[in-house]
């Protein structure tokens, strides 16, 4: 039995990966703040995850790949990097707002810290349950 291969651990790992991707995308946006006609990018993930989780169909558990799937089978949700082509912030047609980007970076950092603390807490609990300190 692999204790760290649960759905919640996998989801937290994916959330950490999305936070890293968001950090890279925001850093790229900030680096190109003075680039003419540069269009900022953003990461879309939570909406896609909510859409998948709100599907109300039940699914049978498959313990063998040869089993016939029953009902909805969940698939991994992949983050999407999207570009904002509609807005303009200044005369060079660039749409990066430094204040908004810095705010998004701070929000993303807080999100990352919370998830990392939760992972650390869960691992400590497993370690205690196994008999460690």
N, C-alpha and C. Protein backbone atom coordinates (compact mmCIF):
# COMPACT_ATOMS: atom_id res chain seq x y z
N UNK A 1 0.84 -1.19 0.00
CA UNK A 1 0.00 0.00 0.00
C UNK A 1 0.88 1.24 0.00
N UNK A 2 0.65 2.11 -0.95
CA UNK A 2 1.43 3.34 -1.05
C UNK A 2 0.66 4.47 -0.38
N UNK A 3 1.09 4.87 0.81
CA UNK A 3 0.37 5.87 1.60
C UNK A 3 0.38 7.25 0.96
N UNK A 4 1.42 7.56 0.20
CA UNK A 4 1.52 8.88 -0.39
C UNK A 4 0.91 8.95 -1.78
N UNK A 5 0.19 7.91 -2.19
CA UNK A 5 -0.42 7.90 -3.50
C UNK A 5 -1.94 8.05 -3.41
N UNK A 6 -2.39 8.78 -2.41
CA UNK A 6 -3.83 8.98 -2.25
C UNK A 6 -4.29 10.13 -3.14
N UNK A 7 -5.58 10.24 -3.29
CA UNK A 7 -6.14 11.30 -4.14
C UNK A 7 -5.79 12.68 -3.59
N UNK A 8 -5.83 12.84 -2.27
CA UNK A 8 -5.55 14.17 -1.71
C UNK A 8 -4.08 14.54 -1.89
N UNK A 9 -3.17 13.59 -1.70
CA UNK A 9 -1.75 13.89 -1.93
C UNK A 9 -1.50 14.22 -3.39
N UNK A 10 -2.10 13.46 -4.29
CA UNK A 10 -1.92 13.73 -5.71
C UNK A 10 -2.46 15.11 -6.08
N UNK A 11 -3.61 15.49 -5.51
CA UNK A 11 -4.19 16.80 -5.80
C UNK A 11 -3.32 17.91 -5.22
N UNK A 12 -2.77 17.71 -4.02
CA UNK A 12 -1.89 18.74 -3.45
C UNK A 12 -0.60 18.87 -4.27
N UNK A 13 -0.08 17.75 -4.74
CA UNK A 13 1.11 17.81 -5.59
C UNK A 13 0.81 18.59 -6.87
N UNK A 14 -0.36 18.34 -7.43
CA UNK A 14 -0.74 19.06 -8.65
C UNK A 14 -0.92 20.55 -8.36
N UNK A 15 -1.49 20.90 -7.21
CA UNK A 15 -1.67 22.30 -6.85
C UNK A 15 -0.32 23.00 -6.68
N UNK A 16 0.67 22.29 -6.12
CA UNK A 16 2.01 22.86 -6.00
C UNK A 16 2.62 23.09 -7.38
N UNK A 17 2.43 22.15 -8.28
CA UNK A 17 2.93 22.30 -9.65
C UNK A 17 2.27 23.49 -10.35
N UNK A 18 0.98 23.67 -10.13
CA UNK A 18 0.26 24.81 -10.72
C UNK A 18 0.79 26.12 -10.14
N UNK A 19 1.07 26.15 -8.85
CA UNK A 19 1.62 27.36 -8.23
C UNK A 19 2.98 27.71 -8.83
N UNK A 20 3.80 26.70 -9.08
CA UNK A 20 5.10 26.94 -9.72
C UNK A 20 4.91 27.48 -11.14
N UNK A 21 3.97 26.91 -11.88
CA UNK A 21 3.68 27.39 -13.22
C UNK A 21 3.19 28.84 -13.19
N UNK A 22 2.33 29.16 -12.23
CA UNK A 22 1.83 30.53 -12.10
C UNK A 22 2.98 31.50 -11.81
N UNK A 23 3.92 31.06 -10.98
CA UNK A 23 5.08 31.90 -10.66
C UNK A 23 5.87 32.20 -11.93
N UNK A 24 6.09 31.18 -12.75
CA UNK A 24 6.84 31.37 -14.01
C UNK A 24 6.09 32.29 -14.97
N UNK A 25 4.79 32.12 -15.08
CA UNK A 25 4.00 32.94 -15.99
C UNK A 25 4.00 34.39 -15.53
N UNK A 26 3.83 34.63 -14.22
CA UNK A 26 3.84 36.00 -13.70
C UNK A 26 5.22 36.63 -13.87
N UNK A 27 6.27 35.86 -13.63
CA UNK A 27 7.63 36.38 -13.81
C UNK A 27 7.86 36.76 -15.28
N UNK A 28 7.35 35.97 -16.20
CA UNK A 28 7.46 36.29 -17.62
C UNK A 28 6.68 37.56 -17.95
N UNK A 29 5.50 37.71 -17.37
CA UNK A 29 4.71 38.92 -17.60
C UNK A 29 5.47 40.15 -17.12
N UNK A 30 6.03 40.07 -15.92
CA UNK A 30 6.76 41.20 -15.35
C UNK A 30 8.01 41.50 -16.16
N UNK A 31 8.70 40.47 -16.62
CA UNK A 31 9.91 40.67 -17.41
C UNK A 31 9.62 41.38 -18.72
N UNK A 32 8.41 41.24 -19.22
CA UNK A 32 8.05 41.84 -20.50
C UNK A 32 7.16 43.07 -20.35
N UNK A 33 7.24 43.73 -19.22
CA UNK A 33 6.36 44.87 -18.96
C UNK A 33 6.59 46.01 -19.95
N UNK A 34 7.80 46.16 -20.46
CA UNK A 34 8.10 47.24 -21.41
C UNK A 34 8.19 46.76 -22.85
N UNK A 35 7.88 45.51 -23.11
CA UNK A 35 7.94 44.97 -24.47
C UNK A 35 6.70 45.41 -25.25
N UNK A 36 6.91 46.13 -26.36
CA UNK A 36 5.75 46.57 -27.14
C UNK A 36 4.92 45.39 -27.64
N UNK A 37 3.61 45.55 -27.56
CA UNK A 37 2.61 44.58 -28.03
C UNK A 37 2.65 43.24 -27.31
N UNK A 38 3.32 43.17 -26.16
CA UNK A 38 3.32 41.94 -25.38
C UNK A 38 1.96 41.78 -24.71
N UNK A 39 1.42 40.58 -24.73
CA UNK A 39 0.14 40.28 -24.08
C UNK A 39 0.39 39.36 -22.90
N UNK A 40 -0.12 39.76 -21.76
CA UNK A 40 0.09 38.98 -20.54
C UNK A 40 -0.60 37.63 -20.62
N UNK A 41 -0.06 36.67 -19.86
CA UNK A 41 -0.65 35.33 -19.80
C UNK A 41 -1.13 35.07 -18.38
N UNK A 42 -2.00 34.11 -18.26
CA UNK A 42 -2.51 33.70 -16.95
C UNK A 42 -2.71 32.20 -16.98
N UNK A 43 -2.78 31.60 -15.80
CA UNK A 43 -2.96 30.15 -15.69
C UNK A 43 -4.40 29.89 -15.26
N UNK A 44 -5.08 29.04 -15.99
CA UNK A 44 -6.46 28.65 -15.69
C UNK A 44 -6.43 27.21 -15.19
N UNK A 45 -6.83 27.02 -13.94
CA UNK A 45 -6.82 25.67 -13.37
C UNK A 45 -8.03 25.42 -12.48
N UNK A 46 -8.29 26.33 -11.55
CA UNK A 46 -9.35 26.11 -10.58
C UNK A 46 -10.71 25.92 -11.24
N UNK A 47 -10.99 26.70 -12.29
CA UNK A 47 -12.27 26.57 -12.98
C UNK A 47 -12.40 25.18 -13.61
N UNK A 48 -11.31 24.73 -14.22
CA UNK A 48 -11.32 23.39 -14.84
C UNK A 48 -11.51 22.30 -13.79
N UNK A 49 -10.85 22.46 -12.65
CA UNK A 49 -10.99 21.49 -11.57
C UNK A 49 -12.41 21.47 -11.03
N UNK A 50 -13.00 22.65 -10.84
CA UNK A 50 -14.39 22.72 -10.37
C UNK A 50 -15.35 22.06 -11.35
N UNK A 51 -15.13 22.29 -12.64
CA UNK A 51 -15.99 21.67 -13.65
C UNK A 51 -15.93 20.15 -13.55
N UNK A 52 -14.72 19.62 -13.38
CA UNK A 52 -14.58 18.17 -13.29
C UNK A 52 -15.22 17.63 -12.01
N UNK A 53 -15.01 18.33 -10.90
CA UNK A 53 -15.53 17.83 -9.63
C UNK A 53 -17.04 17.96 -9.51
N UNK A 54 -17.65 18.87 -10.26
CA UNK A 54 -19.09 19.08 -10.19
C UNK A 54 -19.88 18.16 -11.09
N UNK A 55 -19.23 17.31 -11.83
CA UNK A 55 -19.96 16.35 -12.64
C UNK A 55 -20.60 15.33 -11.70
N UNK A 56 -21.90 15.14 -11.84
CA UNK A 56 -22.66 14.38 -10.86
C UNK A 56 -22.79 12.89 -11.18
N UNK A 57 -22.05 12.39 -12.09
CA UNK A 57 -22.15 10.99 -12.46
C UNK A 57 -21.28 10.12 -11.56
N UNK A 58 -21.77 8.97 -11.20
CA UNK A 58 -21.00 8.02 -10.39
C UNK A 58 -20.14 7.14 -11.29
N UNK A 59 -19.05 6.67 -10.74
CA UNK A 59 -18.16 5.81 -11.52
C UNK A 59 -17.82 4.57 -10.71
N UNK A 60 -17.70 3.45 -11.41
CA UNK A 60 -17.25 2.22 -10.77
C UNK A 60 -15.73 2.21 -10.66
N UNK A 61 -15.22 1.60 -9.61
CA UNK A 61 -13.78 1.53 -9.43
C UNK A 61 -13.22 0.39 -10.26
N UNK A 62 -12.14 0.68 -10.99
CA UNK A 62 -11.48 -0.32 -11.83
C UNK A 62 -10.20 -0.76 -11.13
N UNK A 63 -10.12 -2.00 -10.75
CA UNK A 63 -8.91 -2.53 -10.12
C UNK A 63 -7.99 -3.19 -11.12
N UNK A 64 -8.48 -3.31 -12.35
CA UNK A 64 -7.70 -3.92 -13.42
C UNK A 64 -8.01 -3.16 -14.70
N UNK A 65 -7.00 -2.84 -15.51
CA UNK A 65 -7.27 -2.09 -16.74
C UNK A 65 -8.19 -2.82 -17.72
N UNK A 66 -8.34 -4.13 -17.57
CA UNK A 66 -9.21 -4.90 -18.46
C UNK A 66 -10.67 -4.82 -18.06
N UNK A 67 -10.97 -4.25 -16.88
CA UNK A 67 -12.35 -4.11 -16.45
C UNK A 67 -13.07 -3.09 -17.33
N UNK A 68 -14.36 -3.31 -17.51
CA UNK A 68 -15.17 -2.40 -18.30
C UNK A 68 -15.47 -1.17 -17.46
N UNK A 69 -15.20 0.04 -17.99
CA UNK A 69 -15.50 1.25 -17.22
C UNK A 69 -17.00 1.43 -17.04
N UNK A 70 -17.39 1.82 -15.84
CA UNK A 70 -18.80 2.06 -15.52
C UNK A 70 -18.94 3.52 -15.12
N UNK A 71 -19.78 4.26 -15.83
CA UNK A 71 -20.02 5.66 -15.50
C UNK A 71 -18.87 6.56 -15.88
N UNK A 72 -18.84 7.72 -15.28
CA UNK A 72 -17.84 8.74 -15.57
C UNK A 72 -16.50 8.35 -14.95
N UNK A 73 -15.46 8.39 -15.73
CA UNK A 73 -14.11 8.12 -15.23
C UNK A 73 -13.36 9.44 -15.19
N UNK A 74 -12.91 9.84 -14.01
CA UNK A 74 -12.22 11.12 -13.90
C UNK A 74 -10.85 11.05 -14.56
N UNK A 75 -10.50 12.13 -15.17
CA UNK A 75 -9.20 12.25 -15.79
C UNK A 75 -8.46 13.39 -15.11
N UNK A 76 -7.16 13.39 -15.26
CA UNK A 76 -6.36 14.44 -14.64
C UNK A 76 -6.68 15.78 -15.29
N UNK A 77 -6.79 16.80 -14.47
CA UNK A 77 -7.04 18.15 -14.95
C UNK A 77 -5.68 18.80 -15.17
N UNK A 78 -5.46 19.31 -16.36
CA UNK A 78 -4.20 19.98 -16.69
C UNK A 78 -4.41 21.49 -16.71
N UNK A 79 -3.49 22.25 -16.12
CA UNK A 79 -3.62 23.71 -16.17
C UNK A 79 -3.42 24.22 -17.59
N UNK A 80 -4.07 25.32 -17.89
CA UNK A 80 -3.94 25.93 -19.21
C UNK A 80 -3.36 27.33 -19.07
N UNK A 81 -2.38 27.65 -19.88
CA UNK A 81 -1.84 29.00 -19.93
C UNK A 81 -2.57 29.72 -21.05
N UNK A 82 -3.27 30.79 -20.68
CA UNK A 82 -4.05 31.53 -21.66
C UNK A 82 -3.52 32.96 -21.75
N UNK A 83 -3.65 33.56 -22.93
CA UNK A 83 -3.21 34.92 -23.15
C UNK A 83 -4.40 35.85 -23.20
N UNK A 84 -4.24 37.02 -22.58
CA UNK A 84 -5.27 38.05 -22.61
C UNK A 84 -5.03 38.94 -23.82
N UNK A 85 -5.80 38.72 -24.87
CA UNK A 85 -5.63 39.49 -26.10
C UNK A 85 -6.53 40.72 -26.17
N UNK A 86 -7.42 40.88 -25.20
CA UNK A 86 -8.45 41.91 -25.32
C UNK A 86 -8.08 43.24 -24.69
N UNK A 87 -7.27 43.27 -23.65
CA UNK A 87 -7.03 44.52 -22.95
C UNK A 87 -5.72 45.17 -23.38
N UNK A 88 -5.62 46.47 -23.11
CA UNK A 88 -4.42 47.26 -23.38
C UNK A 88 -4.19 48.17 -22.19
N UNK A 89 -2.93 48.22 -21.70
CA UNK A 89 -2.62 49.06 -20.54
C UNK A 89 -1.98 50.39 -20.93
N UNK A 90 -1.21 50.42 -22.02
CA UNK A 90 -0.53 51.67 -22.37
C UNK A 90 -0.44 51.82 -23.90
N UNK A 91 0.24 52.85 -24.34
CA UNK A 91 0.28 53.19 -25.77
C UNK A 91 1.01 52.18 -26.63
N UNK A 92 1.89 51.35 -26.07
CA UNK A 92 2.61 50.39 -26.90
C UNK A 92 1.86 49.06 -27.03
N UNK A 93 0.58 49.06 -26.68
CA UNK A 93 -0.33 47.90 -26.79
C UNK A 93 0.03 46.75 -25.85
N UNK A 94 0.86 47.02 -24.87
CA UNK A 94 1.20 46.04 -23.84
C UNK A 94 0.08 46.06 -22.81
N UNK A 95 -0.25 44.92 -22.22
CA UNK A 95 -1.34 44.90 -21.24
C UNK A 95 -0.91 44.38 -19.86
N UNK A 96 0.36 44.52 -19.52
CA UNK A 96 0.84 44.07 -18.21
C UNK A 96 0.72 45.21 -17.21
N UNK A 97 0.01 44.96 -16.12
CA UNK A 97 -0.14 45.93 -15.03
C UNK A 97 0.73 45.43 -13.88
N UNK A 98 1.79 46.17 -13.54
CA UNK A 98 2.75 45.72 -12.54
C UNK A 98 2.09 45.53 -11.18
N UNK A 99 1.17 46.40 -10.81
CA UNK A 99 0.50 46.26 -9.50
C UNK A 99 -0.34 44.98 -9.45
N UNK A 100 -1.06 44.70 -10.51
CA UNK A 100 -1.87 43.48 -10.55
C UNK A 100 -0.97 42.24 -10.53
N UNK A 101 0.13 42.28 -11.27
CA UNK A 101 1.05 41.13 -11.30
C UNK A 101 1.68 40.89 -9.94
N UNK A 102 2.08 41.94 -9.26
CA UNK A 102 2.68 41.78 -7.93
C UNK A 102 1.66 41.24 -6.94
N UNK A 103 0.42 41.68 -7.07
CA UNK A 103 -0.65 41.16 -6.22
C UNK A 103 -0.89 39.67 -6.48
N UNK A 104 -0.88 39.29 -7.76
CA UNK A 104 -1.05 37.87 -8.11
C UNK A 104 0.12 37.03 -7.60
N UNK A 105 1.33 37.59 -7.65
CA UNK A 105 2.50 36.87 -7.13
C UNK A 105 2.38 36.63 -5.63
N UNK A 106 1.93 37.66 -4.90
CA UNK A 106 1.77 37.51 -3.45
C UNK A 106 0.69 36.48 -3.12
N UNK A 107 -0.42 36.53 -3.83
CA UNK A 107 -1.50 35.57 -3.64
C UNK A 107 -1.03 34.15 -3.94
N UNK A 108 -0.29 34.00 -5.01
CA UNK A 108 0.23 32.69 -5.40
C UNK A 108 1.22 32.16 -4.35
N UNK A 109 2.06 33.04 -3.81
CA UNK A 109 3.02 32.63 -2.79
C UNK A 109 2.30 32.14 -1.54
N UNK A 110 1.25 32.84 -1.14
CA UNK A 110 0.46 32.41 0.02
C UNK A 110 -0.19 31.05 -0.23
N UNK A 111 -0.73 30.88 -1.42
CA UNK A 111 -1.35 29.60 -1.78
C UNK A 111 -0.32 28.47 -1.71
N UNK A 112 0.84 28.71 -2.27
CA UNK A 112 1.91 27.70 -2.27
C UNK A 112 2.30 27.35 -0.83
N UNK A 113 2.47 28.36 0.02
CA UNK A 113 2.86 28.12 1.41
C UNK A 113 1.82 27.29 2.16
N UNK A 114 0.55 27.59 1.95
CA UNK A 114 -0.51 26.85 2.63
C UNK A 114 -0.50 25.38 2.20
N UNK A 115 -0.38 25.14 0.92
CA UNK A 115 -0.39 23.75 0.42
C UNK A 115 0.85 23.00 0.91
N UNK A 116 2.01 23.67 0.87
CA UNK A 116 3.24 23.03 1.35
C UNK A 116 3.15 22.70 2.84
N UNK A 117 2.56 23.59 3.62
CA UNK A 117 2.37 23.31 5.05
C UNK A 117 1.42 22.13 5.25
N UNK A 118 0.37 22.04 4.44
CA UNK A 118 -0.57 20.92 4.57
C UNK A 118 0.10 19.60 4.22
N UNK A 119 0.92 19.59 3.18
CA UNK A 119 1.65 18.38 2.81
C UNK A 119 2.58 17.97 3.95
N UNK A 120 3.29 18.95 4.50
CA UNK A 120 4.20 18.67 5.61
C UNK A 120 3.45 18.13 6.83
N UNK A 121 2.30 18.71 7.12
CA UNK A 121 1.48 18.25 8.25
C UNK A 121 1.01 16.81 8.04
N UNK A 122 0.53 16.51 6.83
CA UNK A 122 0.06 15.15 6.55
C UNK A 122 1.18 14.13 6.63
N UNK A 123 2.36 14.50 6.17
CA UNK A 123 3.50 13.58 6.26
C UNK A 123 3.91 13.36 7.71
N UNK A 124 3.88 14.43 8.52
CA UNK A 124 4.18 14.28 9.96
C UNK A 124 3.18 13.35 10.63
N UNK A 125 1.89 13.48 10.26
CA UNK A 125 0.87 12.60 10.83
C UNK A 125 1.12 11.14 10.45
N UNK A 126 1.48 10.90 9.20
CA UNK A 126 1.79 9.53 8.76
C UNK A 126 3.00 8.99 9.51
N UNK A 127 3.98 9.82 9.67
CA UNK A 127 5.21 9.41 10.38
C UNK A 127 4.89 9.05 11.83
N UNK A 128 4.03 9.86 12.46
CA UNK A 128 3.63 9.57 13.84
C UNK A 128 2.84 8.29 13.91
N UNK A 129 1.94 8.07 12.95
CA UNK A 129 1.13 6.86 12.95
C UNK A 129 1.99 5.61 12.76
N UNK A 130 3.07 5.74 11.99
CA UNK A 130 3.94 4.60 11.76
C UNK A 130 4.80 4.31 12.99
N UNK A 131 4.97 5.30 13.84
CA UNK A 131 5.72 5.06 15.07
C UNK A 131 6.95 5.94 15.19
N UNK A 132 7.14 6.84 14.27
CA UNK A 132 8.28 7.75 14.35
C UNK A 132 7.91 8.95 15.19
N UNK A 133 8.82 9.90 15.26
CA UNK A 133 8.56 11.11 16.04
C UNK A 133 8.17 12.24 15.19
